[in-house]
Amino acid sequence: MAPVKAPDPIAFLVDLPGYGYAEVSGSAKYHWQGLLSDYVQTRTQLSGLILMMDARRPFTDLDCQMVEWFLPTGKPVHVLLTKADKLTNSENATALRETRKMLERYAEQLAAPVPLTAQLFSSLSAAASKKPSKSSLAGCRCRKPRQRPRFSNRPNLRARVTRA
């Protein structure tokens, strides 16, 4: 049997190793942040940003910085709140609601609306999870500027989407 050629990809998922929890020196992290800033602000092939955050502690300072670097591109941002299986349904609802509020505050600062969405995610199926959770997709588009989002100390962005 002859090998089958896969169709040309429509997009690539680009992982940013070292982002978030990497155990490296402060100077190396500072250098990486400069590279990340340039990459997300100037890479024209990027069609959107997928920001993976631990649902237990979303929007670290670095996560907020990444959003602020990327928003001026006018391209969509999607937040995946990971490890939802480690939270109760109530805690998941709170994490998703707070994430939506933060995205709304960012959207309110923009001159033109940009899709900013959030979703709960777990690598475990709801049946296998001790604390099952439902995934929920939330979109927000606001136009009026109000208050600037507050920064907090929390980690974890992992990947961005690029068009081929």
N, C-alpha and C. Protein backbone atom coordinates (compact mmCIF):
# COMPACT_ATOMS: atom_id res chain seq x y z
N MET A 1 0.84 -1.17 0.00
CA MET A 1 0.00 0.00 0.00
C MET A 1 0.90 1.24 0.00
N ALA A 2 0.58 2.19 -0.85
CA ALA A 2 1.36 3.43 -0.97
C ALA A 2 1.01 4.39 0.17
N PRO A 3 1.99 5.15 0.64
CA PRO A 3 1.69 6.13 1.70
C PRO A 3 0.73 7.20 1.18
N VAL A 4 -0.08 7.69 2.07
CA VAL A 4 -1.05 8.73 1.74
C VAL A 4 -0.51 10.06 2.22
N LYS A 5 -0.49 11.03 1.32
CA LYS A 5 -0.01 12.37 1.69
C LYS A 5 -1.14 13.12 2.40
N ALA A 6 -0.80 13.68 3.54
CA ALA A 6 -1.78 14.48 4.29
C ALA A 6 -2.03 15.78 3.54
N PRO A 7 -3.25 16.31 3.66
CA PRO A 7 -3.52 17.60 3.01
C PRO A 7 -2.67 18.70 3.64
N ASP A 8 -2.47 19.76 2.89
CA ASP A 8 -1.71 20.89 3.43
C ASP A 8 -2.41 21.44 4.66
N PRO A 9 -1.64 21.74 5.70
CA PRO A 9 -2.26 22.26 6.93
C PRO A 9 -2.86 23.65 6.71
N ILE A 10 -3.95 23.92 7.41
CA ILE A 10 -4.56 25.25 7.33
C ILE A 10 -4.02 26.16 8.42
N ALA A 11 -3.43 25.56 9.45
CA ALA A 11 -2.89 26.34 10.55
C ALA A 11 -1.87 25.51 11.31
N PHE A 12 -1.05 26.20 12.09
CA PHE A 12 -0.09 25.55 12.96
C PHE A 12 -0.30 26.06 14.37
N LEU A 13 -0.11 25.20 15.34
CA LEU A 13 -0.15 25.59 16.74
C LEU A 13 1.30 25.73 17.18
N VAL A 14 1.69 26.92 17.59
CA VAL A 14 3.08 27.20 17.96
C VAL A 14 3.18 27.26 19.47
N ASP A 15 3.96 26.34 20.05
CA ASP A 15 4.18 26.31 21.49
C ASP A 15 5.35 27.23 21.82
N LEU A 16 5.24 27.90 22.95
CA LEU A 16 6.33 28.76 23.41
C LEU A 16 6.97 28.13 24.64
N PRO A 17 7.96 27.25 24.44
CA PRO A 17 8.60 26.62 25.60
C PRO A 17 9.28 27.66 26.48
N GLY A 18 9.22 27.43 27.75
CA GLY A 18 9.86 28.35 28.68
C GLY A 18 8.94 29.44 29.17
N TYR A 19 7.75 29.54 28.61
CA TYR A 19 6.81 30.56 29.06
C TYR A 19 6.17 30.07 30.35
N GLY A 20 6.00 30.95 31.31
CA GLY A 20 5.28 30.58 32.53
C GLY A 20 6.18 30.00 33.60
N TYR A 21 6.18 28.67 33.72
CA TYR A 21 6.85 28.01 34.85
C TYR A 21 8.30 27.60 34.60
N ALA A 22 8.90 28.00 33.51
CA ALA A 22 10.27 27.57 33.23
C ALA A 22 11.22 27.99 34.36
N GLU A 23 12.07 27.07 34.77
CA GLU A 23 13.03 27.36 35.82
C GLU A 23 14.35 27.78 35.18
N VAL A 24 14.44 29.07 34.90
CA VAL A 24 15.65 29.63 34.31
C VAL A 24 15.98 30.92 35.05
N SER A 25 17.16 31.45 34.76
CA SER A 25 17.57 32.68 35.44
C SER A 25 16.67 33.84 35.04
N GLY A 26 16.66 34.86 35.88
CA GLY A 26 15.86 36.05 35.61
C GLY A 26 16.27 36.74 34.32
N SER A 27 17.58 36.74 34.04
CA SER A 27 18.05 37.40 32.81
C SER A 27 17.59 36.63 31.57
N ALA A 28 17.54 35.29 31.65
CA ALA A 28 17.06 34.49 30.52
C ALA A 28 15.57 34.74 30.30
N LYS A 29 14.80 34.79 31.39
CA LYS A 29 13.36 35.07 31.25
C LYS A 29 13.15 36.46 30.66
N TYR A 30 13.93 37.43 31.09
CA TYR A 30 13.81 38.79 30.57
C TYR A 30 14.10 38.81 29.07
N HIS A 31 15.14 38.08 28.67
CA HIS A 31 15.48 37.97 27.25
C HIS A 31 14.34 37.33 26.47
N TRP A 32 13.77 36.24 26.98
CA TRP A 32 12.66 35.54 26.32
C TRP A 32 11.45 36.46 26.19
N GLN A 33 11.20 37.26 27.22
CA GLN A 33 10.05 38.16 27.15
C GLN A 33 10.21 39.17 26.03
N GLY A 34 11.42 39.64 25.82
CA GLY A 34 11.67 40.55 24.71
C GLY A 34 11.41 39.88 23.37
N LEU A 35 11.86 38.62 23.25
CA LEU A 35 11.62 37.87 22.02
C LEU A 35 10.12 37.62 21.81
N LEU A 36 9.42 37.27 22.89
CA LEU A 36 7.97 37.03 22.80
C LEU A 36 7.23 38.29 22.38
N SER A 37 7.60 39.40 22.96
CA SER A 37 6.96 40.67 22.64
C SER A 37 7.09 40.96 21.15
N ASP A 38 8.31 40.86 20.64
CA ASP A 38 8.53 41.10 19.20
C ASP A 38 7.74 40.11 18.36
N TYR A 39 7.77 38.84 18.76
CA TYR A 39 7.10 37.79 17.97
C TYR A 39 5.60 38.04 17.86
N VAL A 40 4.93 38.26 18.98
CA VAL A 40 3.47 38.40 18.93
C VAL A 40 3.02 39.74 18.35
N GLN A 41 3.87 40.75 18.41
CA GLN A 41 3.49 42.05 17.88
C GLN A 41 3.78 42.21 16.39
N THR A 42 4.77 41.49 15.88
CA THR A 42 5.20 41.73 14.50
C THR A 42 5.00 40.56 13.55
N ARG A 43 4.72 39.39 14.03
CA ARG A 43 4.58 38.20 13.17
C ARG A 43 3.24 38.27 12.44
N THR A 44 3.27 38.63 11.17
CA THR A 44 2.03 38.83 10.40
C THR A 44 1.28 37.53 10.17
N GLN A 45 1.97 36.39 10.22
CA GLN A 45 1.31 35.11 9.99
C GLN A 45 0.41 34.69 11.15
N LEU A 46 0.56 35.29 12.31
CA LEU A 46 -0.28 34.93 13.44
C LEU A 46 -1.72 35.32 13.14
N SER A 47 -2.63 34.37 13.31
CA SER A 47 -4.04 34.67 13.06
C SER A 47 -4.83 34.80 14.35
N GLY A 48 -4.22 34.49 15.46
CA GLY A 48 -4.87 34.59 16.76
C GLY A 48 -3.95 34.11 17.85
N LEU A 49 -4.39 34.27 19.08
CA LEU A 49 -3.61 33.87 20.25
C LEU A 49 -4.46 32.94 21.09
N ILE A 50 -3.92 31.77 21.42
CA ILE A 50 -4.57 30.86 22.36
C ILE A 50 -3.71 30.89 23.61
N LEU A 51 -4.28 31.40 24.67
CA LEU A 51 -3.58 31.58 25.93
C LEU A 51 -4.07 30.52 26.90
N MET A 52 -3.18 29.60 27.28
CA MET A 52 -3.57 28.54 28.21
C MET A 52 -3.17 28.96 29.62
N MET A 53 -4.20 28.99 30.50
CA MET A 53 -3.98 29.39 31.89
C MET A 53 -4.58 28.34 32.81
N ASP A 54 -3.93 28.12 33.93
CA ASP A 54 -4.47 27.24 34.96
C ASP A 54 -5.73 27.90 35.50
N ALA A 55 -6.85 27.20 35.47
CA ALA A 55 -8.13 27.76 35.93
C ALA A 55 -8.07 28.17 37.40
N ARG A 56 -7.12 27.59 38.15
CA ARG A 56 -7.01 27.91 39.57
C ARG A 56 -6.32 29.25 39.81
N ARG A 57 -5.57 29.73 38.81
CA ARG A 57 -4.88 31.01 38.95
C ARG A 57 -4.67 31.67 37.59
N PRO A 58 -5.75 32.16 36.99
CA PRO A 58 -5.64 32.81 35.68
C PRO A 58 -5.07 34.23 35.78
N PHE A 59 -4.60 34.71 34.67
CA PHE A 59 -4.10 36.08 34.49
C PHE A 59 -2.96 36.47 35.43
N THR A 60 -1.82 35.82 35.20
CA THR A 60 -0.59 36.25 35.87
C THR A 60 -0.15 37.56 35.23
N ASP A 61 0.83 38.19 35.79
CA ASP A 61 1.38 39.41 35.19
C ASP A 61 1.84 39.14 33.75
N LEU A 62 2.50 38.01 33.54
CA LEU A 62 2.99 37.68 32.20
C LEU A 62 1.83 37.41 31.24
N ASP A 63 0.76 36.76 31.72
CA ASP A 63 -0.42 36.54 30.88
C ASP A 63 -1.02 37.88 30.45
N CYS A 64 -1.15 38.79 31.38
CA CYS A 64 -1.69 40.12 31.07
C CYS A 64 -0.78 40.84 30.08
N GLN A 65 0.53 40.72 30.27
CA GLN A 65 1.47 41.36 29.35
C GLN A 65 1.31 40.78 27.95
N MET A 66 1.16 39.45 27.86
CA MET A 66 1.00 38.80 26.55
C MET A 66 -0.25 39.32 25.85
N VAL A 67 -1.36 39.44 26.57
CA VAL A 67 -2.60 39.96 25.99
C VAL A 67 -2.38 41.40 25.53
N GLU A 68 -1.72 42.20 26.35
CA GLU A 68 -1.49 43.60 25.99
C GLU A 68 -0.56 43.75 24.80
N TRP A 69 0.40 42.85 24.64
CA TRP A 69 1.25 42.88 23.46
C TRP A 69 0.45 42.52 22.21
N PHE A 70 -0.47 41.56 22.35
CA PHE A 70 -1.16 41.01 21.18
C PHE A 70 -2.39 41.80 20.75
N LEU A 71 -3.12 42.39 21.68
CA LEU A 71 -4.37 43.08 21.33
C LEU A 71 -4.24 44.12 20.23
N PRO A 72 -3.17 44.92 20.19
CA PRO A 72 -3.07 45.91 19.11
C PRO A 72 -3.06 45.32 17.70
N THR A 73 -2.82 44.01 17.57
CA THR A 73 -2.84 43.39 16.24
C THR A 73 -4.27 43.31 15.70
N GLY A 74 -5.27 43.42 16.59
CA GLY A 74 -6.66 43.32 16.16
C GLY A 74 -7.11 41.90 15.87
N LYS A 75 -6.33 40.93 16.28
CA LYS A 75 -6.65 39.52 16.03
C LYS A 75 -7.25 38.89 17.28
N PRO A 76 -8.02 37.81 17.11
CA PRO A 76 -8.71 37.21 18.26
C PRO A 76 -7.78 36.61 19.31
N VAL A 77 -8.29 36.61 20.54
CA VAL A 77 -7.61 35.97 21.67
C VAL A 77 -8.59 34.98 22.29
N HIS A 78 -8.13 33.76 22.50
CA HIS A 78 -8.95 32.73 23.14
C HIS A 78 -8.21 32.23 24.37
N VAL A 79 -8.85 32.28 25.52
CA VAL A 79 -8.25 31.80 26.77
C VAL A 79 -8.80 30.42 27.07
N LEU A 80 -7.89 29.45 27.23
CA LEU A 80 -8.25 28.11 27.65
C LEU A 80 -7.90 27.97 29.12
N LEU A 81 -8.90 27.81 29.95
CA LEU A 81 -8.67 27.62 31.39
C LEU A 81 -8.48 26.13 31.63
N THR A 82 -7.24 25.72 31.81
CA THR A 82 -6.91 24.30 31.94
C THR A 82 -7.12 23.81 33.37
N LYS A 83 -7.05 22.50 33.52
CA LYS A 83 -7.18 21.84 34.82
C LYS A 83 -8.54 22.08 35.47
N ALA A 84 -9.57 22.20 34.65
CA ALA A 84 -10.91 22.42 35.17
C ALA A 84 -11.38 21.23 36.01
N ASP A 85 -10.83 20.05 35.77
CA ASP A 85 -11.21 18.87 36.55
C ASP A 85 -10.77 18.97 38.00
N LYS A 86 -9.85 19.86 38.31
CA LYS A 86 -9.37 20.01 39.69
C LYS A 86 -10.24 20.96 40.51
N LEU A 87 -11.24 21.57 39.88
CA LEU A 87 -12.13 22.51 40.56
C LEU A 87 -13.55 21.96 40.61
N THR A 88 -14.31 22.47 41.57
CA THR A 88 -15.73 22.12 41.64
C THR A 88 -16.47 22.88 40.54
N ASN A 89 -17.71 22.50 40.28
CA ASN A 89 -18.51 23.21 39.29
C ASN A 89 -18.63 24.69 39.66
N SER A 90 -18.81 24.97 40.93
CA SER A 90 -18.93 26.35 41.39
C SER A 90 -17.64 27.12 41.16
N GLU A 91 -16.51 26.51 41.48
CA GLU A 91 -15.21 27.16 41.27
C GLU A 91 -14.95 27.39 39.78
N ASN A 92 -15.34 26.43 38.95
CA ASN A 92 -15.20 26.59 37.50
C ASN A 92 -16.02 27.76 36.99
N ALA A 93 -17.26 27.84 37.47
CA ALA A 93 -18.14 28.94 37.05
C ALA A 93 -17.53 30.29 37.45
N THR A 94 -16.98 30.34 38.65
CA THR A 94 -16.35 31.58 39.13
C THR A 94 -15.13 31.92 38.28
N ALA A 95 -14.26 30.94 38.01
CA ALA A 95 -13.06 31.17 37.21
C ALA A 95 -13.43 31.66 35.81
N LEU A 96 -14.44 31.05 35.20
CA LEU A 96 -14.86 31.46 33.87
C LEU A 96 -15.47 32.86 33.89
N ARG A 97 -16.28 33.13 34.89
CA ARG A 97 -16.91 34.46 35.01
C ARG A 97 -15.85 35.55 35.20
N GLU A 98 -14.86 35.31 36.06
CA GLU A 98 -13.80 36.28 36.30
C GLU A 98 -12.94 36.48 35.05
N THR A 99 -12.70 35.41 34.33
CA THR A 99 -11.93 35.51 33.09
C THR A 99 -12.69 36.34 32.07
N ARG A 100 -13.99 36.10 31.94
CA ARG A 100 -14.81 36.88 31.02
C ARG A 100 -14.79 38.37 31.40
N LYS A 101 -14.87 38.65 32.69
CA LYS A 101 -14.83 40.05 33.14
C LYS A 101 -13.51 40.71 32.75
N MET A 102 -12.41 39.99 32.94
CA MET A 102 -11.10 40.54 32.59
C MET A 102 -11.03 40.79 31.09
N LEU A 103 -11.52 39.86 30.29
CA LEU A 103 -11.52 40.04 28.83
C LEU A 103 -12.42 41.20 28.42
N GLU A 104 -13.53 41.37 29.11
CA GLU A 104 -14.42 42.51 28.82
C GLU A 104 -13.71 43.83 29.11
N ARG A 105 -12.94 43.89 30.20
CA ARG A 105 -12.20 45.11 30.51
C ARG A 105 -11.16 45.42 29.44
N TYR A 106 -10.51 44.38 28.93
CA TYR A 106 -9.58 44.60 27.83
C TYR A 106 -10.33 45.08 26.59
N ALA A 107 -11.45 44.44 26.28
CA ALA A 107 -12.23 44.79 25.08
C ALA A 107 -12.72 46.23 25.14
N GLU A 108 -13.05 46.70 26.32
CA GLU A 108 -13.56 48.06 26.48
C GLU A 108 -12.51 49.12 26.13
N GLN A 109 -11.24 48.74 26.13
CA GLN A 109 -10.16 49.68 25.84
C GLN A 109 -9.84 49.76 24.35
N LEU A 110 -10.45 48.90 23.56
CA LEU A 110 -10.13 48.83 22.14
C LEU A 110 -11.01 49.76 21.31
N ALA A 111 -10.42 50.33 20.28
CA ALA A 111 -11.18 51.21 19.38
C ALA A 111 -12.15 50.38 18.54
N ALA A 112 -11.72 49.21 18.10
CA ALA A 112 -12.58 48.32 17.29
C ALA A 112 -12.72 46.99 18.03
N PRO A 113 -13.90 46.38 17.97
CA PRO A 113 -14.10 45.12 18.67
C PRO A 113 -13.22 43.99 18.11
N VAL A 114 -12.70 43.19 19.02
CA VAL A 114 -11.88 42.03 18.68
C VAL A 114 -12.49 40.84 19.42
N PRO A 115 -12.61 39.68 18.77
CA PRO A 115 -13.13 38.51 19.48
C PRO A 115 -12.21 38.10 20.63
N LEU A 116 -12.74 38.14 21.84
CA LEU A 116 -12.03 37.70 23.04
C LEU A 116 -12.91 36.64 23.68
N THR A 117 -12.45 35.41 23.72
CA THR A 117 -13.27 34.30 24.20
C THR A 117 -12.54 33.51 25.28
N ALA A 118 -13.31 32.75 26.05
CA ALA A 118 -12.74 31.92 27.11
C ALA A 118 -13.49 30.60 27.17
N GLN A 119 -12.79 29.58 27.62
CA GLN A 119 -13.37 28.24 27.68
C GLN A 119 -12.68 27.45 28.77
N LEU A 120 -13.46 26.65 29.50
CA LEU A 120 -12.89 25.71 30.47
C LEU A 120 -12.39 24.49 29.72
N PHE A 121 -11.30 23.90 30.21
CA PHE A 121 -10.74 22.72 29.56
C PHE A 121 -10.16 21.78 30.59
N SER A 122 -10.34 20.48 30.33
CA SER A 122 -9.73 19.45 31.16
C SER A 122 -9.27 18.33 30.25
N SER A 123 -8.12 17.75 30.54
CA SER A 123 -7.66 16.62 29.75
C SER A 123 -8.39 15.34 30.15
N LEU A 124 -9.08 15.37 31.26
CA LEU A 124 -9.87 14.23 31.70
C LEU A 124 -11.29 14.36 31.17
N SER A 125 -11.89 13.22 30.85
CA SER A 125 -13.30 13.28 30.43
C SER A 125 -14.15 13.53 31.67
N ALA A 126 -15.33 14.06 31.49
CA ALA A 126 -16.22 14.34 32.62
C ALA A 126 -16.55 13.05 33.37
N ALA A 127 -16.65 11.93 32.67
CA ALA A 127 -16.97 10.66 33.32
C ALA A 127 -15.83 10.18 34.21
N ALA A 128 -14.58 10.46 33.80
CA ALA A 128 -13.43 10.00 34.57
C ALA A 128 -13.05 10.96 35.68
N SER A 129 -13.56 12.15 35.63
CA SER A 129 -13.20 13.17 36.60
C SER A 129 -13.95 12.99 37.91
N LYS A 130 -13.26 13.26 39.04
CA LYS A 130 -13.93 13.22 40.33
C LYS A 130 -14.91 14.36 40.46
N LYS A 131 -14.55 15.50 39.86
CA LYS A 131 -15.40 16.69 39.91
C LYS A 131 -15.70 17.11 38.47
N PRO A 132 -16.71 16.50 37.83
CA PRO A 132 -16.95 16.81 36.43
C PRO A 132 -17.30 18.27 36.21
N SER A 133 -16.89 18.77 35.06
CA SER A 133 -17.19 20.16 34.72
C SER A 133 -17.63 20.23 33.27
N LYS A 134 -18.44 21.22 32.96
CA LYS A 134 -18.88 21.44 31.59
C LYS A 134 -18.02 22.51 30.96
N SER A 135 -17.62 22.30 29.72
CA SER A 135 -16.89 23.34 28.99
C SER A 135 -17.88 24.36 28.49
N SER A 136 -17.49 25.60 28.54
CA SER A 136 -18.37 26.67 28.13
C SER A 136 -17.59 27.70 27.34
N LEU A 137 -18.10 28.09 26.21
CA LEU A 137 -17.45 29.09 25.39
C LEU A 137 -18.12 30.43 25.61
N ALA A 138 -17.32 31.44 25.87
CA ALA A 138 -17.87 32.77 26.16
C ALA A 138 -17.25 33.79 25.24
N GLY A 139 -18.05 34.54 24.55
CA GLY A 139 -17.54 35.59 23.70
C GLY A 139 -17.88 36.94 24.29
N CYS A 140 -17.02 37.91 24.09
CA CYS A 140 -17.34 39.25 24.57
C CYS A 140 -16.79 40.27 23.59
N ARG A 141 -17.58 41.28 23.32
CA ARG A 141 -17.16 42.39 22.47
C ARG A 141 -17.73 43.66 23.08
N CYS A 142 -16.86 44.51 23.52
CA CYS A 142 -17.30 45.77 24.11
C CYS A 142 -16.64 46.92 23.37
N ARG A 143 -17.23 48.10 23.47
CA ARG A 143 -16.72 49.25 22.74
C ARG A 143 -16.37 50.44 23.63
N LYS A 144 -16.94 50.55 24.80
CA LYS A 144 -16.71 51.71 25.66
C LYS A 144 -15.56 51.47 26.62
N PRO A 145 -14.59 52.39 26.68
CA PRO A 145 -13.51 52.23 27.66
C PRO A 145 -14.00 52.55 29.07
N ARG A 146 -13.61 51.75 30.02
CA ARG A 146 -13.94 52.00 31.43
C ARG A 146 -12.68 51.94 32.26
N GLN A 147 -12.49 50.82 32.94
CA GLN A 147 -11.33 50.75 33.84
C GLN A 147 -10.31 49.77 33.28
N ARG A 148 -9.05 50.07 33.49
CA ARG A 148 -7.96 49.21 33.04
C ARG A 148 -7.92 47.96 33.92
N PRO A 149 -7.70 46.77 33.31
CA PRO A 149 -7.62 45.55 34.11
C PRO A 149 -6.51 45.63 35.15
N ARG A 150 -6.77 45.06 36.30
CA ARG A 150 -5.75 44.97 37.34
C ARG A 150 -4.89 43.76 37.06
N PHE A 151 -3.63 43.85 37.40
CA PHE A 151 -2.74 42.73 37.23
C PHE A 151 -2.64 41.95 38.54
N SER A 152 -2.50 40.65 38.42
CA SER A 152 -2.35 39.81 39.60
C SER A 152 -1.19 38.85 39.37
N ASN A 153 -0.77 38.18 40.40
CA ASN A 153 0.33 37.23 40.27
C ASN A 153 -0.20 35.84 40.03
N ARG A 154 -0.25 35.44 38.76
CA ARG A 154 -0.73 34.11 38.40
C ARG A 154 -0.12 33.66 37.08
N PRO A 155 0.11 32.30 36.86
CA PRO A 155 0.82 31.85 35.67
C PRO A 155 0.04 31.18 34.54
N ASN A 156 0.62 31.04 33.37
CA ASN A 156 0.63 29.94 32.43
C ASN A 156 0.08 30.09 31.02
N LEU A 157 0.79 30.67 30.14
CA LEU A 157 0.47 30.70 28.71
C LEU A 157 1.31 29.64 28.02
N ARG A 158 0.76 29.02 27.04
CA ARG A 158 1.53 27.99 26.37
C ARG A 158 1.60 28.13 24.84
N ALA A 159 0.55 28.52 24.13
CA ALA A 159 0.59 28.38 22.68
C ALA A 159 -0.12 29.48 21.93
N ARG A 160 0.24 29.63 20.69
CA ARG A 160 -0.37 30.58 19.79
C ARG A 160 -0.73 29.88 18.49
N VAL A 161 -1.70 30.36 17.76
CA VAL A 161 -2.07 29.78 16.48
C VAL A 161 -1.49 30.64 15.36
N THR A 162 -0.91 29.99 14.37
CA THR A 162 -0.42 30.71 13.21
C THR A 162 -1.01 30.11 11.95
N ARG A 163 -1.20 30.93 10.93
CA ARG A 163 -1.67 30.47 9.62
C ARG A 163 -0.45 30.09 8.80
N ALA A 164 -0.63 29.06 8.01
CA ALA A 164 0.48 28.61 7.15
C ALA A 164 0.72 29.60 6.02
